[in-house]
């Protein structure tokens, strides 16, 4: 008898030998990611994961949760798991093209898969055929995932009387179901998808009781009589109940209570909320008709108002003598540089060019449409934006196709200069010309620089203390930023050869970017700041020197923070000379390998600035994008940074467990968002300034509480300009 029991226990302990399949690691997905392949995933209209790649994502999440979460975790809502959950989500985003709004679904699925893994381990290795506990050793197959301590703690919990009592209750409830599910690992979402494809139906979903019946059809293809009986009852109920009651048809037919937050017959991921099921009486046809009429009346009123407004501004285009004779007050007569805007679906700049506000001008021998002017498109800011009036002669329909040609553009969407049409030009837009002065230029400059230096030292050296003492969110009105440093710098600039092509140099010492050189700066760079244009790399580099001189070095922050040169680390060089970029970044990181440090990378994608902040010791990359994109938008950037961090880890000879081998974490920070096409550079500079002002190596996912806001105001952007101009005055660049 004892021999029989020993033999049974031995068979149970070696149950892992019956499982021929190895541990799921999803090598295909990981290898594809290394080659820049991001898999698309799809969802049905009820928010369930479907094919293609639905099964792949599910398996990938299962592999991640087994690697990142210990099997001793019983409470998926434990806040101590937040860091591990962030890693799981980061890895999902690295390999799959998935929206941020799907995070909740993926985390719930991860918790479900973790519970399933624990149940599998308990059933396969810790129970005999009669359900009695077996003190088994840690299965060799899972030694890379589970430590010996975790396994012992796991076994101890399974022997706990409270756990066994709950387990017995659940086992009894789940045993011998009256209507067993017979589709294996195929969930309701993918089952519904296959049924719709098989029937070639144009419907997007099926009734719950139809899915429920199909899910209980086995390999024979014939449903049981009991299942058919429930289905027929559902059909009868669907004819007698109103559409609002269909959610309860299956529960009524089965004569069972409905659980909160569950939609019977729909499966994982579907809740009453996701189906937009609301309690209350549905509106009658008469009420719906009344609402429709009211909406139509409102729409007609808005249309009449718009037409009346347009008729008062623009004259009839059929009168040839009146075409473009009444010039708009904000568009001067003649040919002027301009920015081109569109107002739908949202207000934004889509191109740059020249507006021809000339009396009697024609467009390709034709009259211009009413309320339009002739423009030549020079630069496409948004290449795929549709032209407001497509060109018949050149077949151009987008801004990109119209580059180098003439098109008609609505006058109210043309902006001369650099300000948006919705805002008046600032008074300091033009460079003041001082033709008479009783003070010498040298004396004026010395006085201004002296005052500027004293005030700047007082303000900047106490930046961190000022921020911390200001409390949490800044909800009170901000004092308007003065423009005296910009005005002063423009005055001095006018007295030099810079406006006619002269350049100045600023020395960038080795401590800034890891190499020393002389940074050139010319009139174009100054005008970018004065006229609120998109800033280039020269302005960015010189502002970084300001941060280094005024915030970092005086406060000892240069041991905790560093910069990488944006002229060397950018998307263009990554695409054309990735080895050069990799070598430079790796060299800088290895030069600082012995201390934890946060490196800022002002990254230019070719037309947009964003910020990467890398902590190489902890293998964390903070991603701050004022346009709200994420790193999957730039896969080449992502691959290169990951490659560098892996090489950094290898050169430091750091031993990592299998669980931590792919632990590089990318965190998208909910930073302030720009509201135009120009401010990305200024926002990126403020991200660095905010971080240095607080001196924190960790950037919160929802940004710093002291600086949290939906967007930076004009005054906050002007602060960056003023600091830059003040620094230029202090360095005496106009001498």
Foldseek 3Di string as FASTA:
>chain_A
DVVVVVVQLVCLLVLVVVVPDAQDDLVVLVVCLLVLAAAEWDAFLLGDTADDCSVVLLSNLLSLLLLQPFLLDDDLPDPVCVLSLLLSVQVNVSRYVDDPVCSVQSSVSSVVSSVVVLVVCCVRRQQTPVRHGHPHADDPSCCLRHPRVSVVSSSVVCPDPVNVVVVVVVVVVPPPDPQDFAPPPDWLRHVQVVVCVVVVHPDRGDQLLVLSQVRRQHPVRDHDPVSVQLSVQLVVVVVVDDPLCSQCSSCVSVVHDDDAQDRHSRGPPGGCVSVVRDDDDDDDPVVVVVVVVVVVVVVVVVVVVVVVVLPVPWPQQVPLQPALPDPDPQDDAAKFKKWFWDPPPHTFTFFIWIWHSYRNDDFPPHGAHIQKTKTATAGTLNFADFAPFQDPVQRDGTSVSRHGHIDIGHPCRIHGAQDGSVDDDDPLLDQDEDPDDPDDPVVVLVVLLVVLVVVLLVPLLCLLVVLVVVDFEPPDDDDFADCVLLNVLSHLQVVFCQVVPDKFWDWDPCLAANHIDTQIDGDVQSSCLSRVFAHDLSLVVLLSVLCCVRQPPVVVNSLAEHEHRQVLAEQVCLVVPVVSSLVSVLVVCVVNVPDFHWYWYQYYHPQFTWIWIAGLVQLEIETGFQAPDDCSVPSSSVSSVQVSSLVSCVVVVPDDRPSCNNSRRYAYALAAHDDYSHCRSLSRSVLVVVCSSNSDSDADNPGDRSHHDNHDDPSSSVVSSSSSSSVCSNVVRSD
